[in-house]
C-alpha atoms as a PDB file:
ATOM      1  CA  MET A   1     -40.864  20.446-131.709  1.00  0.00           C
ATOM      2  CA  THR A   2     -43.699  18.466-133.218  1.00  0.00           C
ATOM      3  CA  ILE A   3     -43.937  14.790-132.412  1.00  0.00           C
ATOM      4  CA  PRO A   4     -45.084  12.749-135.424  1.00  0.00           C
ATOM      5  CA  LEU A   5     -48.378  10.958-134.992  1.00  0.00           C
ATOM      6  CA  PRO A   6     -48.373   7.165-134.929  1.00  0.00           C
ATOM      7  CA  PRO A   7     -49.784   5.538-138.095  1.00  0.00           C
ATOM      8  CA  PRO A   8     -52.961   4.271-136.348  1.00  0.00           C
ATOM      9  CA  MET A   9     -53.913   7.831-135.409  1.00  0.00           C
ATOM     10  CA  HIS A  10     -53.223   9.023-138.947  1.00  0.00           C
ATOM     11  CA  ARG A  11     -55.565   6.275-140.160  1.00  0.00           C
ATOM     12  CA  ALA A  12     -58.240   7.240-137.604  1.00  0.00           C
ATOM     13  CA  LEU A  13     -57.986  10.902-138.653  1.00  0.00           C
ATOM     14  CA  ALA A  14     -58.394   9.903-142.320  1.00  0.00           C
ATOM     15  CA  LEU A  15     -61.501   7.884-141.395  1.00  0.00           C
ATOM     16  CA  ALA A  16     -62.828  10.896-139.477  1.00  0.00           C
ATOM     17  CA  GLN A  17     -62.337  13.098-142.545  1.00  0.00           C
ATOM     18  CA  ALA A  18     -64.123  10.535-144.721  1.00  0.00           C
ATOM     19  CA  ALA A  19     -67.002  10.561-142.235  1.00  0.00           C
ATOM     20  CA  ALA A  20     -67.139  14.376-142.384  1.00  0.00           C
ATOM     21  CA  ASP A  21     -67.110  14.269-146.188  1.00  0.00           C
ATOM     22  CA  ALA A  22     -70.148  11.953-145.955  1.00  0.00           C
ATOM     23  CA  GLY A  23     -71.964  14.383-143.647  1.00  0.00           C
ATOM     24  CA  GLU A  24     -71.225  12.479-140.436  1.00  0.00           C
ATOM     25  CA  VAL A  25     -69.592  13.944-137.336  1.00  0.00           C
ATOM     26  CA  PRO A  26     -65.858  13.445-137.995  1.00  0.00           C
ATOM     27  CA  VAL A  27     -64.807  10.602-135.747  1.00  0.00           C
ATOM     28  CA  GLY A  28     -62.663   7.675-136.831  1.00  0.00           C
ATOM     29  CA  ALA A  29     -61.550   4.567-134.956  1.00  0.00           C
ATOM     30  CA  VAL A  30     -58.975   1.847-135.580  1.00  0.00           C
ATOM     31  CA  ILE A  31     -58.405  -1.370-133.621  1.00  0.00           C
ATOM     32  CA  LEU A  32     -55.066  -3.146-133.665  1.00  0.00           C
ATOM     33  CA  ARG A  33     -53.817  -6.382-132.195  1.00  0.00           C
ATOM     34  CA  ASP A  34     -50.077  -6.916-132.016  1.00  0.00           C
ATOM     35  CA  GLY A  35     -49.637  -3.814-134.165  1.00  0.00           C
ATOM     36  CA  VAL A  36     -51.826  -5.136-136.992  1.00  0.00           C
ATOM     37  CA  GLU A  37     -55.063  -3.386-137.936  1.00  0.00           C
ATOM     38  CA  ILE A  38     -58.023  -5.728-137.537  1.00  0.00           C
ATOM     39  CA  ALA A  39     -60.862  -3.208-137.827  1.00  0.00           C
ATOM     40  CA  ALA A  40     -61.499   0.429-138.674  1.00  0.00           C
ATOM     41  CA  ALA A  41     -64.574   2.624-139.035  1.00  0.00           C
ATOM     42  CA  GLY A  42     -65.861   6.147-139.146  1.00  0.00           C
ATOM     43  CA  ASN A  43     -69.070   7.503-137.687  1.00  0.00           C
ATOM     44  CA  ALA A  44     -72.096   6.303-139.682  1.00  0.00           C
ATOM     45  CA  MET A  45     -75.119   7.246-137.580  1.00  0.00           C
ATOM     46  CA  ARG A  46     -76.863   9.297-140.254  1.00  0.00           C
ATOM     47  CA  ALA A  47     -76.173   6.914-143.128  1.00  0.00           C
ATOM     48  CA  SER A  48     -77.289   3.868-141.166  1.00  0.00           C
ATOM     49  CA  HIS A  49     -80.102   5.583-139.229  1.00  0.00           C
ATOM     50  CA  ASP A  50     -78.529   4.028-136.142  1.00  0.00           C
ATOM     51  CA  PRO A  51     -77.721   6.156-133.101  1.00  0.00           C
ATOM     52  CA  THR A  52     -75.260   3.495-131.927  1.00  0.00           C
ATOM     53  CA  ALA A  53     -73.197   3.614-135.141  1.00  0.00           C
ATOM     54  CA  HIS A  54     -70.360   5.544-133.526  1.00  0.00           C
ATOM     55  CA  ALA A  55     -66.930   4.862-135.020  1.00  0.00           C
ATOM     56  CA  GLU A  56     -65.827   2.981-131.890  1.00  0.00           C
ATOM     57  CA  MET A  57     -68.918   0.756-131.843  1.00  0.00           C
ATOM     58  CA  ALA A  58     -68.573  -0.119-135.529  1.00  0.00           C
ATOM     59  CA  ALA A  59     -64.860  -0.875-135.116  1.00  0.00           C
ATOM     60  CA  ILE A  60     -65.514  -3.015-132.027  1.00  0.00           C
ATOM     61  CA  ARG A  61     -68.209  -5.000-133.864  1.00  0.00           C
ATOM     62  CA  ALA A  62     -65.920  -5.527-136.860  1.00  0.00           C
ATOM     63  CA  ALA A  63     -62.972  -6.543-134.665  1.00  0.00           C
ATOM     64  CA  ALA A  64     -65.098  -9.017-132.711  1.00  0.00           C
ATOM     65  CA  ALA A  65     -66.309 -10.547-135.977  1.00  0.00           C
ATOM     66  CA  ALA A  66     -62.771 -10.691-137.393  1.00  0.00           C
ATOM     67  CA  LEU A  67     -61.436 -12.399-134.264  1.00  0.00           C
ATOM     68  CA  GLY A  68     -64.477 -14.581-133.698  1.00  0.00           C
ATOM     69  CA  SER A  69     -64.753 -13.425-130.099  1.00  0.00           C
ATOM     70  CA  GLU A  70     -66.564 -10.788-128.066  1.00  0.00           C
ATOM     71  CA  ARG A  71     -63.363 -10.317-126.061  1.00  0.00           C
ATOM     72  CA  LEU A  72     -60.784  -8.063-127.676  1.00  0.00           C
ATOM     73  CA  GLU A  73     -58.093  -8.718-125.102  1.00  0.00           C
ATOM     74  CA  GLY A  74     -54.691  -7.420-126.132  1.00  0.00           C
ATOM     75  CA  CYS A  75     -56.236  -4.962-128.602  1.00  0.00           C
ATOM     76  CA  ASP A  76     -55.624  -1.241-128.869  1.00  0.00           C
ATOM     77  CA  LEU A  77     -58.295   1.266-129.875  1.00  0.00           C
ATOM     78  CA  TRP A  78     -57.202   4.486-131.571  1.00  0.00           C
ATOM     79  CA  VAL A  79     -59.979   7.073-131.865  1.00  0.00           C
ATOM     80  CA  THR A  80     -60.084  10.748-132.783  1.00  0.00           C
ATOM     81  CA  LEU A  81     -62.487  11.851-130.024  1.00  0.00           C
ATOM     82  CA  GLU A  82     -62.833  10.869-126.377  1.00  0.00           C
ATOM     83  CA  PRO A  83     -65.323   7.977-126.283  1.00  0.00           C
ATOM     84  CA  CYS A  84     -68.803   8.698-124.948  1.00  0.00           C
ATOM     85  CA  ALA A  85     -70.313   6.687-122.092  1.00  0.00           C
ATOM     86  CA  MET A  86     -71.908   4.175-124.503  1.00  0.00           C
ATOM     87  CA  CYS A  87     -68.633   3.540-126.285  1.00  0.00           C
ATOM     88  CA  ALA A  88     -66.675   3.433-123.027  1.00  0.00           C
ATOM     89  CA  GLY A  89     -69.079   0.746-121.800  1.00  0.00           C
ATOM     90  CA  ALA A  90     -68.513  -1.282-124.963  1.00  0.00           C
ATOM     91  CA  ILE A  91     -64.741  -0.844-124.604  1.00  0.00           C
ATOM     92  CA  ALA A  92     -64.902  -2.198-121.052  1.00  0.00           C
ATOM     93  CA  HIS A  93     -67.138  -5.131-122.027  1.00  0.00           C
ATOM     94  CA  ALA A  94     -64.839  -5.970-124.952  1.00  0.00           C
ATOM     95  CA  ARG A  95     -61.827  -5.921-122.594  1.00  0.00           C
ATOM     96  CA  ILE A  96     -59.816  -3.655-124.896  1.00  0.00           C
ATOM     97  CA  ALA A  97     -56.348  -3.227-123.383  1.00  0.00           C
ATOM     98  CA  ARG A  98     -55.483   0.347-124.379  1.00  0.00           C
ATOM     99  CA  VAL A  99     -57.400   3.386-125.642  1.00  0.00           C
ATOM    100  CA  TYR A 100     -55.627   6.221-127.431  1.00  0.00           C
ATOM    101  CA  TYR A 101     -57.789   9.233-128.179  1.00  0.00           C
ATOM    102  CA  ALA A 102     -57.024  12.558-129.798  1.00  0.00           C
ATOM    103  CA  ALA A 103     -59.434  15.304-128.737  1.00  0.00           C
ATOM    104  CA  PRO A 104     -61.168  15.500-125.362  1.00  0.00           C
ATOM    105  CA  ASP A 105     -64.955  15.846-125.276  1.00  0.00           C
ATOM    106  CA  PRO A 106     -65.884  17.899-122.196  1.00  0.00           C
ATOM    107  CA  LYS A 107     -69.575  17.847-123.160  1.00  0.00           C
ATOM    108  CA  GLY A 108     -70.104  14.226-124.244  1.00  0.00           C
ATOM    109  CA  GLY A 109     -67.021  12.293-123.198  1.00  0.00           C
ATOM    110  CA  GLY A 110     -67.309   9.340-120.886  1.00  0.00           C
ATOM    111  CA  VAL A 111     -63.662   8.572-120.105  1.00  0.00           C
ATOM    112  CA  ASP A 112     -61.996  11.696-118.700  1.00  0.00           C
ATOM    113  CA  HIS A 113     -65.168  13.812-118.623  1.00  0.00           C
ATOM    114  CA  GLY A 114     -68.806  13.206-117.728  1.00  0.00           C
ATOM    115  CA  PRO A 115     -69.359   9.840-116.037  1.00  0.00           C
ATOM    116  CA  ARG A 116     -65.667   8.818-116.212  1.00  0.00           C
ATOM    117  CA  LEU A 117     -66.820   5.258-116.687  1.00  0.00           C
ATOM    118  CA  PHE A 118     -63.457   3.561-116.187  1.00  0.00           C
ATOM    119  CA  SER A 119     -63.117   5.219-112.763  1.00  0.00           C
ATOM    120  CA  GLN A 120     -66.405   3.812-111.475  1.00  0.00           C
ATOM    121  CA  PRO A 121     -66.221   0.952-108.948  1.00  0.00           C
ATOM    122  CA  THR A 122     -68.794  -0.978-111.009  1.00  0.00           C
ATOM    123  CA  CYS A 123     -66.522  -1.002-114.081  1.00  0.00           C
ATOM    124  CA  HIS A 124     -65.041  -4.496-114.274  1.00  0.00           C
ATOM    125  CA  HIS A 125     -62.350  -3.722-116.858  1.00  0.00           C
ATOM    126  CA  ARG A 126     -60.275  -0.554-117.067  1.00  0.00           C
ATOM    127  CA  PRO A 127     -58.111  -0.099-120.148  1.00  0.00           C
ATOM    128  CA  GLU A 128     -55.004   2.031-120.111  1.00  0.00           C
ATOM    129  CA  VAL A 129     -55.970   5.447-121.514  1.00  0.00           C
ATOM    130  CA  TYR A 130     -53.706   7.832-123.421  1.00  0.00           C
ATOM    131  CA  ALA A 131     -55.161  11.199-124.421  1.00  0.00           C
ATOM    132  CA  GLY A 132     -54.079  14.028-126.671  1.00  0.00           C
ATOM    133  CA  LEU A 133     -52.349  12.214-129.553  1.00  0.00           C
ATOM    134  CA  GLY A 134     -53.429  14.257-132.582  1.00  0.00           C
ATOM    135  CA  GLU A 135     -55.652  16.508-130.481  1.00  0.00           C
ATOM    136  CA  SER A 136     -55.150  19.669-132.552  1.00  0.00           C
ATOM    137  CA  VAL A 137     -55.913  17.937-135.866  1.00  0.00           C
ATOM    138  CA  ALA A 138     -59.004  16.154-134.545  1.00  0.00           C
ATOM    139  CA  ALA A 139     -60.272  19.291-132.806  1.00  0.00           C
ATOM    140  CA  GLU A 140     -59.868  21.280-136.029  1.00  0.00           C
ATOM    141  CA  GLN A 141     -61.797  18.630-137.997  1.00  0.00           C
ATOM    142  CA  LEU A 142     -64.647  18.908-135.509  1.00  0.00           C
ATOM    143  CA  ARG A 143     -64.531  22.711-135.399  1.00  0.00           C
ATOM    144  CA  LEU A 144     -64.677  23.002-139.207  1.00  0.00           C
ATOM    145  CA  PHE A 145     -67.448  20.419-139.472  1.00  0.00           C
ATOM    146  CA  PHE A 146     -69.719  22.222-137.006  1.00  0.00           C
ATOM    147  CA  ALA A 147     -68.803  25.711-138.291  1.00  0.00           C
ATOM    148  CA  GLN A 148     -70.030  24.694-141.755  1.00  0.00           C
ATOM    149  CA  ARG A 149     -73.396  23.698-140.291  1.00  0.00           C
ATOM    150  CA  ARG A 150     -74.080  26.854-138.282  1.00  0.00           C
END
């Protein structure tokens, strides 16, 4: 039995595919508050020549601008890949309530792998984390993207 993906993850996966089509690593992120999308982005590091232009960072910046606040309390982040340590730090600083991610990132992840930022005693805010929603689709996007470049 296949469980249908929630619309925010479908949107994040579409943003990831758009990023891949533009030559970026396929990662997409969507931020919602009270079920309403307030920001969305795909990876744009190559296009912007900015190593911090991860999908999560761009979505967080856009959400903060849309809300007029650096605090994104009550917001949910939907992302296609486990956030790295940089993005996890931004998520904690922004006080995002919940993080839903699709594929794990054993090599570069910062939530359930690597530094496990939210588990550190120095982390002042720990969002709820839900992993694996859309994992197979996101993992296939990443696999195809990197296979085409090898």
